């Protein structure tokens, strides 16, 4: 599912990958592709496994391109419209 594009680029999240952990935190696979910069080759983007704390609206990247981030800190989306859109969409998704 693509979230609204920003000047930073495009971001998608995989509806089929959303899982709720025992702690209530959700995880989701997402992909970010930065906006093209004139004169530079286009970027392939990066794949992330994000954990989202819906109650506090925080996230952390547990994996980036398949590489674990064991000490990832919880962060607010801040002014990042792409991450905020992913958090809102994933937290609104009803899980059975």
Protein backbone atom coordinates (compact mmCIF):
# COMPACT_ATOMS: atom_id res chain seq x y z
CA UNK A 1 0.00 0.00 0.00
CA UNK A 2 1.53 3.31 -1.05
CA UNK A 3 1.22 6.24 1.34
CA UNK A 4 0.97 9.81 -0.01
CA UNK A 5 4.26 10.82 -1.62
CA UNK A 6 6.29 13.69 -0.13
CA UNK A 7 9.28 15.70 -1.34
CA UNK A 8 11.48 13.08 0.38
CA UNK A 9 10.20 10.30 -1.87
CA UNK A 10 7.76 7.39 -1.80
CA UNK A 11 6.95 4.76 0.82
CA UNK A 12 4.91 1.57 0.77
CA UNK A 13 3.90 -0.88 3.47
CA UNK A 14 2.91 -4.53 3.05
CA UNK A 15 -0.58 -5.20 4.43
CA UNK A 16 0.10 -8.96 4.53
CA UNK A 17 3.19 -8.52 6.71
CA UNK A 18 1.50 -6.72 9.63
CA UNK A 19 1.80 -8.72 12.85
CA UNK A 20 0.88 -7.86 16.42
CA UNK A 21 3.39 -9.07 18.97
CA UNK A 22 2.48 -10.21 22.49
CA UNK A 23 3.53 -6.80 23.82
CA UNK A 24 0.93 -5.09 21.59
CA UNK A 25 3.57 -3.63 19.29
CA UNK A 26 2.95 -4.14 15.56
CA UNK A 27 5.58 -4.99 12.97
CA UNK A 28 5.36 -4.29 9.24
CA UNK A 29 7.55 -4.57 6.16
CA UNK A 30 7.96 -1.26 4.35
CA UNK A 31 9.91 0.09 1.42
CA UNK A 32 11.25 3.61 0.98
CA UNK A 33 12.46 5.07 -2.31
CA UNK A 34 14.00 8.54 -2.08
CA UNK A 35 13.02 11.23 -4.54
CA UNK A 36 15.24 11.42 -7.58
CA UNK A 37 17.91 14.09 -7.52
CA UNK A 38 18.74 15.65 -10.87
CA UNK A 39 22.12 14.54 -12.16
CA UNK A 40 22.30 11.47 -9.91
CA UNK A 41 21.32 7.89 -10.75
CA UNK A 42 17.98 6.80 -9.25
CA UNK A 43 18.13 4.95 -5.93
CA UNK A 44 16.69 1.44 -5.61
CA UNK A 45 15.44 2.32 -2.15
CA UNK A 46 15.56 0.37 1.09
CA UNK A 47 13.47 -2.31 2.78
CA UNK A 48 12.62 -1.97 6.46
CA UNK A 49 11.04 -4.11 9.14
CA UNK A 50 9.43 -1.48 11.34
CA UNK A 51 8.01 -1.97 14.80
CA UNK A 52 5.22 0.44 15.68
CA UNK A 53 3.93 1.29 19.14
CA UNK A 54 0.44 2.49 18.23
CA UNK A 55 -0.42 3.65 21.76
CA UNK A 56 2.52 6.08 21.82
CA UNK A 57 2.82 6.68 18.05
CA UNK A 58 6.48 5.64 18.04
CA UNK A 59 8.45 3.45 15.63
CA UNK A 60 11.83 1.80 15.29
CA UNK A 61 13.52 0.06 12.38
CA UNK A 62 14.39 -3.49 13.46
CA UNK A 63 15.95 -4.37 10.08
CA UNK A 64 17.23 -2.34 7.17
CA UNK A 65 17.80 -4.24 3.92
CA UNK A 66 17.84 -7.50 5.88
CA UNK A 67 20.44 -6.32 8.40
CA UNK A 68 19.20 -6.42 12.01
CA UNK A 69 19.40 -3.27 14.16
CA UNK A 70 19.60 -4.76 17.64
CA UNK A 71 19.80 -1.48 19.55
CA UNK A 72 17.23 0.49 17.55
CA UNK A 73 15.67 3.27 19.61
CA UNK A 74 12.00 4.20 19.62
CA UNK A 75 11.42 7.47 17.76
CA UNK A 76 8.48 9.75 16.98
CA UNK A 77 7.72 10.28 13.28
CA UNK A 78 8.36 13.98 13.82
CA UNK A 79 8.06 15.93 10.59
CA UNK A 80 8.45 12.81 8.42
CA UNK A 81 5.12 12.61 6.61
CA UNK A 82 5.92 9.21 5.08
CA UNK A 83 6.59 7.49 8.40
CA UNK A 84 3.63 9.24 10.02
CA UNK A 85 1.37 7.96 7.22
CA UNK A 86 2.66 4.38 7.68
CA UNK A 87 2.12 4.57 11.45
CA UNK A 88 -1.45 5.87 11.03
CA UNK A 89 -2.35 3.29 8.38
CA UNK A 90 -0.85 0.29 10.20
CA UNK A 91 -2.40 1.28 13.53
CA UNK A 92 -5.84 1.73 11.91
CA UNK A 93 -5.70 -1.74 10.35
CA UNK A 94 -7.98 -4.17 12.19
CA UNK A 95 -6.19 -7.42 13.03
CA UNK A 96 -8.02 -10.66 13.62
